[in-house]
Amino acid sequence: MAKRSTKKKSLRVAFIGSGGIAGAHMRYLSKMDDVEMVAVADISKPSMAQRQEEFGIESAFTDYRKMLRDVKPDAVSVCTPNGLHAVASIAASKAGAHVLVEKPMAMTAAEAQKMITAAKTARRKLVIGFQYRYDAKTKFIKDAVDAGRMGKVVYGRIQALRRRGIPNWGVFGRKDLQGGGPLIDIGVHALEMTHFVMGSPKPVAASGSIFTYMGNKKSDVVSQWPNWDYKNYTVEDLAVGQIRFDNGAVISIEASFAAHIEENVWNFTLMGEKAGASWDPPGLFSDDGGYMMNSQPNWLPSGANADAFGMKMRNFVEHCLYNTPTLAPAEHGLMVQKMLDGIYASAEKGREVAIR
């Protein structure tokens, strides 16, 4: 009888992109004993050199396609600007690597579909960087919905609002490289977790409006991120929209980089036939014994045991190595992308648009 190997599995991970989000991926993966970080690719040599020194990554490439050919990684983290998500992910899948691509999945739903096709053809895994569905507050509401405590969820209201939070780094203000502004950058997170909690229904129609009134102008207002590149700012400051689903439910969303509001807001609320819910603070709102009742969890996991980003990274590794199910499959990313596309298309056309 052949002796069974006791060698521990290890996932050889490479990175396309070495900026801030890649650094976050690397920090978590570097602490896992079943992961080996083998290479990084970026057009910025100084950025790559910094990551190599910080995390002991041996190989660096200015051409990610050469990296894929020479290193042949088991998995790839795609941490580029949005405009490169699709081409990099497709190349990685075709090279035989599993892929974790940061949010949003792509610039358009058409690109997202090509990514899914490439991964399925190569029989590789494709996961989207939706960490908020791993959050303890999200799980609290998801468990209530799944247990039937809320009945049919008919409405979700999403707010991802900054009073003055236009990024003054990277290319977040360039529509040609990012696809949009706060809706596709921060609104996507609140949208994905709300859609997930509601059971990921199929979107069928969208309406929306976008407004730009501060980002494209020089400002001397004191804020946390001043001196953004207003001359090349081509995205919205504020986006508002509504999504209709095939089960009759509706989501509304508000997302801003800059808005005249009292304070930043990051939250979603649900209204169901039996109960409602709030993400922050987490709570359920129902009727009981003839009274309207509000209930909150006495305790939810926190700290290192509830690090949503870390759980996202760990789930990806286990999904690749041990075939553990993922909470963020590519098909969910595609539906979210269709919703984003729909709101932007509606804003451009001035009417509701169908989502197919």
Protein backbone atom coordinates (compact mmCIF):
# COMPACT_ATOMS: atom_id res chain seq x y z
CA MET A 1 0.00 0.00 0.00
CA ALA A 2 1.35 3.41 -0.96
CA LYS A 3 2.20 5.64 1.95
CA ARG A 4 -0.16 8.58 2.25
CA SER A 5 1.55 11.95 1.93
CA THR A 6 1.54 14.10 5.05
CA LYS A 7 2.79 17.19 3.25
CA LYS A 8 0.55 20.19 3.95
CA LYS A 9 -1.15 21.78 0.97
CA SER A 10 0.10 25.21 -0.01
CA LEU A 11 -1.45 27.79 -2.32
CA ARG A 12 1.06 29.68 -4.47
CA VAL A 13 -0.42 33.18 -4.89
CA ALA A 14 0.68 35.97 -7.21
CA PHE A 15 -0.58 39.53 -7.41
CA ILE A 16 -1.53 41.72 -10.33
CA GLY A 17 -1.27 45.22 -8.91
CA SER A 18 0.81 46.27 -5.92
CA GLY A 19 -1.07 49.30 -4.59
CA GLY A 20 -2.95 49.80 -1.35
CA ILE A 21 -5.51 47.03 -1.76
CA ALA A 22 -2.80 44.57 -2.80
CA GLY A 23 -0.97 45.46 0.41
CA ALA A 24 -4.08 44.52 2.38
CA HIS A 25 -4.31 41.16 0.58
CA MET A 26 -0.64 40.52 1.26
CA ARG A 27 -0.86 41.36 4.95
CA TYR A 28 -3.52 38.74 5.53
CA LEU A 29 -2.06 36.07 3.26
CA SER A 30 1.40 36.47 4.79
CA LYS A 31 0.02 35.17 8.10
CA MET A 32 -1.35 31.94 6.61
CA ASP A 33 0.87 28.87 6.78
CA ASP A 34 -0.78 27.25 3.76
CA VAL A 35 -0.05 30.20 1.45
CA GLU A 36 3.14 31.09 -0.42
CA MET A 37 3.29 34.54 -2.02
CA VAL A 38 5.41 33.95 -5.10
CA ALA A 39 5.27 37.02 -7.37
CA VAL A 40 3.88 40.48 -7.99
CA ALA A 41 3.29 42.40 -11.22
CA ASP A 42 2.82 46.14 -11.66
CA ILE A 43 3.97 48.92 -13.97
CA SER A 44 5.35 50.73 -10.91
CA LYS A 45 8.75 49.31 -9.96
CA PRO A 46 9.02 51.35 -6.72
CA SER A 47 5.63 50.05 -5.56
CA MET A 48 6.63 46.47 -6.30
CA ALA A 49 9.98 46.89 -4.57
CA GLN A 50 8.20 48.12 -1.46
CA ARG A 51 5.93 45.07 -1.38
CA GLN A 52 8.83 42.72 -2.02
CA GLU A 53 10.78 44.14 0.88
CA GLU A 54 7.76 44.21 3.17
CA PHE A 55 6.55 40.69 2.49
CA GLY A 56 9.58 38.85 1.12
CA ILE A 57 8.11 38.25 -2.32
CA GLU A 58 10.87 36.91 -4.55
CA SER A 59 9.77 37.79 -8.08
CA ALA A 60 8.53 41.02 -9.64
CA PHE A 61 7.35 41.72 -13.19
CA THR A 62 6.26 44.80 -15.10
CA ASP A 63 4.28 42.52 -17.44
CA TYR A 64 1.70 40.37 -15.66
CA ARG A 65 1.35 38.06 -18.65
CA LYS A 66 5.04 37.19 -18.40
CA MET A 67 4.56 36.61 -14.68
CA LEU A 68 1.73 34.17 -15.38
CA ARG A 69 3.87 32.29 -17.94
CA ASP A 70 7.06 32.16 -15.89
CA VAL A 71 5.72 31.65 -12.37
CA LYS A 72 2.57 29.63 -13.10
CA PRO A 73 0.85 30.54 -9.80
CA ASP A 74 -1.99 28.49 -8.35
CA ALA A 75 -4.02 31.63 -7.66
CA VAL A 76 -3.94 35.32 -8.46
CA SER A 77 -5.21 38.37 -6.59
CA VAL A 78 -6.27 41.04 -9.08
CA CYS A 79 -5.79 44.40 -7.34
CA THR A 80 -5.66 46.83 -10.26
CA PRO A 81 -7.82 49.82 -11.14
CA ASN A 82 -11.27 48.68 -12.23
CA GLY A 83 -10.49 49.08 -15.92
CA LEU A 84 -7.98 46.22 -15.80
CA HIS A 85 -10.02 43.75 -13.74
CA ALA A 86 -11.44 41.88 -16.70
CA VAL A 87 -8.33 41.53 -18.87
CA ALA A 88 -6.14 40.55 -15.92
CA SER A 89 -8.66 38.06 -14.52
CA ILE A 90 -9.26 36.45 -17.89
CA ALA A 91 -5.53 36.11 -18.50
CA ALA A 92 -5.04 34.53 -15.08
CA SER A 93 -7.86 32.04 -15.64
CA LYS A 94 -6.48 31.07 -19.03
CA ALA A 95 -3.06 30.59 -17.42
CA GLY A 96 -4.59 28.02 -15.06
CA ALA A 97 -4.91 30.14 -11.91
CA HIS A 98 -7.81 30.63 -9.56
CA VAL A 99 -8.75 34.31 -9.27
CA LEU A 100 -9.79 36.67 -6.51
CA VAL A 101 -10.71 39.98 -8.11
CA GLU A 102 -11.39 43.07 -6.06
CA LYS A 103 -14.67 44.91 -6.25
CA PRO A 104 -16.32 45.95 -8.45
CA MET A 105 -16.03 42.81 -10.53
CA ALA A 106 -15.46 44.74 -13.76
CA MET A 107 -16.30 47.93 -15.62
CA THR A 108 -19.43 46.42 -17.20
CA ALA A 109 -21.60 43.34 -16.97
CA ALA A 110 -20.39 42.30 -20.43
CA GLU A 111 -16.83 42.19 -19.11
CA ALA A 112 -17.98 40.29 -16.02
CA GLN A 113 -19.65 37.65 -18.17
CA LYS A 114 -16.43 37.15 -20.15
CA MET A 115 -14.57 36.65 -16.88
CA ILE A 116 -17.03 33.97 -15.81
CA THR A 117 -16.80 32.23 -19.18
CA ALA A 118 -13.00 32.23 -19.06
CA ALA A 119 -12.94 30.77 -15.54
CA LYS A 120 -15.48 28.07 -16.36
CA THR A 121 -13.68 27.14 -19.58
CA ALA A 122 -10.41 26.80 -17.67
CA ARG A 123 -12.18 25.03 -14.78
CA ARG A 124 -10.76 27.56 -12.37
CA LYS A 125 -12.43 29.35 -9.48
CA LEU A 126 -13.41 33.02 -9.67
CA VAL A 127 -14.29 34.92 -6.48
CA ILE A 128 -15.24 38.58 -6.01
CA GLY A 129 -13.80 40.69 -3.16
CA PHE A 130 -17.09 41.32 -1.34
CA GLN A 131 -15.93 41.34 2.28
CA TYR A 132 -19.00 42.96 3.81
CA ARG A 133 -21.03 39.80 3.44
CA TYR A 134 -18.64 38.25 5.97
CA ASP A 135 -19.37 40.99 8.55
CA ALA A 136 -21.00 39.86 11.81
CA LYS A 137 -23.81 42.40 11.43
CA THR A 138 -24.53 41.13 7.93
CA LYS A 139 -24.66 37.55 9.19
CA PHE A 140 -27.04 38.55 11.98
CA ILE A 141 -29.56 39.92 9.48
CA LYS A 142 -28.95 37.16 6.93
CA ASP A 143 -29.69 34.52 9.57
CA ALA A 144 -32.95 36.30 10.46
CA VAL A 145 -34.02 36.46 6.80
CA ASP A 146 -33.09 32.82 6.16
CA ALA A 147 -34.99 31.69 9.28
CA GLY A 148 -38.14 33.38 7.99
CA ARG A 149 -38.30 35.87 10.88
CA MET A 150 -38.77 38.79 8.49
CA GLY A 151 -41.16 37.13 6.09
CA LYS A 152 -40.83 38.31 2.52
CA VAL A 153 -38.37 41.20 2.28
CA VAL A 154 -40.01 43.81 0.08
CA TYR A 155 -37.68 46.81 0.35
CA GLY A 156 -34.08 47.68 1.09
CA ARG A 157 -32.67 51.17 1.56
CA ILE A 158 -28.91 51.62 1.13
CA GLN A 159 -26.80 54.63 2.11
CA ALA A 160 -23.06 54.81 1.38
CA LEU A 161 -22.58 58.53 1.88
CA ARG A 162 -19.53 60.67 2.53
CA ARG A 163 -19.93 64.34 3.33
CA ARG A 164 -16.52 65.12 1.86
CA GLY A 165 -14.49 62.04 0.97
CA ILE A 166 -13.18 62.35 -2.58
CA PRO A 167 -10.03 60.18 -2.76
CA ASN A 168 -6.91 62.26 -3.39
CA TRP A 169 -4.84 59.27 -4.49
CA GLY A 170 -5.06 56.72 -7.28
CA VAL A 171 -7.45 57.15 -10.22
CA PHE A 172 -10.79 57.18 -8.36
CA GLY A 173 -11.86 60.36 -10.14
CA ARG A 174 -11.37 59.01 -13.66
CA LYS A 175 -14.39 57.40 -15.26
CA ASP A 176 -12.29 55.91 -18.07
CA LEU A 177 -10.28 53.84 -15.57
CA GLN A 178 -12.86 53.28 -12.81
CA GLY A 179 -16.20 53.19 -14.59
CA GLY A 180 -17.75 55.69 -12.21
CA GLY A 181 -17.45 57.33 -8.81
CA PRO A 182 -18.99 56.60 -5.39
CA LEU A 183 -21.65 54.24 -6.75
CA ILE A 184 -19.15 51.79 -8.23
CA ASP A 185 -16.48 52.39 -5.57
CA ILE A 186 -18.21 52.43 -2.17
CA GLY A 187 -21.86 51.97 -3.08
CA VAL A 188 -20.99 48.58 -4.52
CA HIS A 189 -20.09 47.26 -1.05
CA ALA A 190 -23.35 48.31 0.56
CA LEU A 191 -25.27 47.09 -2.49
CA GLU A 192 -23.64 43.67 -2.53
CA MET A 193 -24.26 42.93 1.15
CA THR A 194 -27.88 44.12 1.00
CA HIS A 195 -28.56 42.05 -2.12
CA PHE A 196 -26.87 39.05 -0.46
CA VAL A 197 -28.94 39.35 2.72
CA MET A 198 -32.14 39.57 0.66
CA GLY A 199 -31.32 36.21 -0.95
CA SER A 200 -29.66 37.48 -4.15
CA PRO A 201 -32.86 37.95 -6.22
CA LYS A 202 -32.57 38.57 -9.95
CA PRO A 203 -32.60 42.29 -10.89
CA VAL A 204 -34.97 43.17 -13.73
CA ALA A 205 -35.00 46.99 -13.96
CA ALA A 206 -33.12 50.06 -12.77
CA SER A 207 -33.59 53.79 -12.60
CA GLY A 208 -31.14 56.39 -11.38
CA SER A 209 -29.58 59.82 -11.49
CA ILE A 210 -26.03 61.06 -11.01
CA PHE A 211 -24.75 64.53 -10.11
CA THR A 212 -21.33 66.20 -10.26
CA TYR A 213 -21.06 69.58 -8.54
CA MET A 214 -17.97 69.60 -6.27
CA GLY A 215 -15.39 67.10 -7.43
CA ASN A 216 -14.64 68.90 -10.68
CA LYS A 217 -13.90 72.20 -8.93
CA LYS A 218 -11.00 73.42 -6.83
CA SER A 219 -11.91 73.57 -3.14
CA ASP A 220 -10.33 75.17 -0.09
CA VAL A 221 -12.75 73.53 2.34
CA VAL A 222 -10.92 71.67 5.12
CA SER A 223 -11.48 67.92 4.78
CA GLN A 224 -9.77 64.60 5.45
CA TRP A 225 -8.60 64.18 1.84
CA PRO A 226 -7.98 67.64 0.35
CA ASN A 227 -6.38 68.56 -2.95
CA TRP A 228 -7.86 65.85 -5.11
CA ASP A 229 -7.25 66.01 -8.87
CA TYR A 230 -10.27 68.13 -9.78
CA LYS A 231 -8.94 68.87 -13.27
CA ASN A 232 -9.27 65.20 -14.29
CA TYR A 233 -12.38 64.46 -12.22
CA THR A 234 -14.97 62.89 -14.53
CA VAL A 235 -17.11 60.80 -12.12
CA GLU A 236 -20.19 61.64 -10.11
CA ASP A 237 -20.24 63.19 -6.63
CA LEU A 238 -23.64 61.68 -5.85
CA ALA A 239 -25.60 58.78 -7.30
CA VAL A 240 -29.14 57.75 -6.43
CA GLY A 241 -30.97 54.79 -7.86
CA GLN A 242 -33.62 52.12 -7.56
CA ILE A 243 -33.54 48.44 -8.53
CA ARG A 244 -36.57 46.21 -9.07
CA PHE A 245 -36.28 42.42 -8.74
CA ASP A 246 -38.12 39.48 -10.22
CA ASN A 247 -39.69 38.65 -6.82
CA GLY A 248 -41.28 42.11 -6.56
CA ALA A 249 -38.76 43.49 -4.05
CA VAL A 250 -37.11 46.89 -4.49
CA ILE A 251 -33.78 48.40 -3.42
CA SER A 252 -32.97 52.10 -3.33
CA ILE A 253 -29.40 53.33 -3.03
CA GLU A 254 -27.65 56.63 -2.29
CA ALA A 255 -23.87 56.90 -2.69
CA SER A 256 -21.66 59.98 -2.50
CA PHE A 257 -18.07 61.14 -2.39
CA ALA A 258 -19.28 64.65 -1.62
CA ALA A 259 -22.70 65.73 -0.38
CA HIS A 260 -24.10 68.44 1.88
CA ILE A 261 -25.22 66.12 4.68
CA GLU A 262 -24.75 66.20 8.44
CA GLU A 263 -22.29 63.30 8.60
CA ASN A 264 -21.05 60.23 6.79
CA VAL A 265 -23.58 57.38 6.63
CA TRP A 266 -22.83 53.71 5.97
CA ASN A 267 -25.91 51.58 6.48
CA PHE A 268 -28.76 49.61 5.03
CA THR A 269 -32.23 48.92 6.32
CA LEU A 270 -34.73 46.28 5.27
CA MET A 271 -38.52 46.19 5.42
CA GLY A 272 -40.21 42.79 5.41
CA GLU A 273 -43.78 41.58 5.75
CA LYS A 274 -43.09 40.26 9.29
CA ALA A 275 -40.19 42.45 10.45
CA GLY A 276 -37.61 45.02 9.45
CA ALA A 277 -33.89 45.28 10.13
CA SER A 278 -31.03 47.74 10.40
CA TRP A 279 -27.36 46.97 9.77
CA ASP A 280 -25.89 49.72 11.96
CA PRO A 281 -26.76 49.52 14.75
CA PRO A 282 -27.85 45.92 14.13
CA GLY A 283 -31.45 45.36 15.08
CA LEU A 284 -34.78 43.78 14.19
CA PHE A 285 -38.15 45.55 14.33
CA SER A 286 -41.31 43.47 14.66
CA ASP A 287 -44.66 43.09 16.42
CA ASP A 288 -44.96 40.76 19.42
CA GLY A 289 -47.72 40.27 21.98
CA GLY A 290 -49.64 43.26 20.73
CA TYR A 291 -46.67 45.61 20.86
CA MET A 292 -44.18 47.02 18.39
CA MET A 293 -40.84 45.58 19.50
CA ASN A 294 -37.21 46.45 18.74
CA SER A 295 -34.55 43.83 19.43
CA GLN A 296 -30.77 43.99 19.25
CA PRO A 297 -28.16 41.26 19.63
CA ASN A 298 -26.57 41.35 23.08
CA TRP A 299 -23.24 40.35 21.58
CA LEU A 300 -21.71 39.91 18.14
CA PRO A 301 -18.19 38.71 17.33
CA SER A 302 -15.66 41.52 17.13
CA GLY A 303 -11.95 42.13 16.74
CA ALA A 304 -9.72 39.54 15.08
CA ASN A 305 -12.47 36.90 15.25
CA ALA A 306 -14.77 39.06 13.15
CA ASP A 307 -12.38 40.67 10.68
CA ALA A 308 -14.49 40.62 7.51
CA PHE A 309 -11.55 41.32 5.20
CA GLY A 310 -9.52 38.56 6.80
CA MET A 311 -12.43 36.16 6.54
CA LYS A 312 -12.74 37.03 2.85
CA MET A 313 -9.10 36.19 2.26
CA ARG A 314 -9.24 33.00 4.32
CA ASN A 315 -12.37 31.84 2.53
CA PHE A 316 -10.68 32.32 -0.84
CA VAL A 317 -7.69 30.20 0.21
CA GLU A 318 -9.91 27.44 1.56
CA HIS A 319 -12.13 27.61 -1.54
CA CYS A 320 -9.06 27.02 -3.72
CA LEU A 321 -7.25 24.44 -1.59
CA TYR A 322 -10.11 22.50 -0.03
CA ASN A 323 -13.12 23.35 -2.23
CA THR A 324 -14.90 25.07 0.65
CA PRO A 325 -17.94 27.00 -0.63
CA THR A 326 -17.47 30.73 -1.19
CA LEU A 327 -19.88 33.43 -0.06
CA ALA A 328 -18.91 35.62 -3.03
CA PRO A 329 -19.25 33.63 -6.26
CA ALA A 330 -18.75 35.27 -9.62
CA GLU A 331 -22.44 34.94 -10.44
CA HIS A 332 -23.26 37.29 -7.56
CA GLY A 333 -20.66 39.72 -8.83
CA LEU A 334 -22.33 39.67 -12.24
CA MET A 335 -25.74 40.52 -10.77
CA VAL A 336 -24.26 43.41 -8.78
CA GLN A 337 -22.49 44.64 -11.93
CA LYS A 338 -25.77 44.55 -13.84
CA MET A 339 -27.36 46.71 -11.16
CA LEU A 340 -24.52 49.24 -11.32
CA ASP A 341 -24.69 49.28 -15.11
CA GLY A 342 -28.45 49.77 -14.95
CA ILE A 343 -28.29 52.81 -12.67
CA TYR A 344 -25.60 54.47 -14.78
CA ALA A 345 -27.48 53.69 -18.02
CA SER A 346 -30.71 55.05 -16.59
CA ALA A 347 -28.97 58.25 -15.51
CA GLU A 348 -27.64 58.70 -19.04
CA LYS A 349 -30.93 57.96 -20.77
CA GLY A 350 -33.23 59.70 -18.30
CA ARG A 351 -35.58 56.74 -17.89
CA GLU A 352 -35.88 53.31 -16.33
CA VAL A 353 -33.94 50.60 -18.14
CA ALA A 354 -34.42 46.85 -18.26
CA ILE A 355 -31.77 44.54 -16.78
CA ARG A 356 -31.29 41.29 -18.67
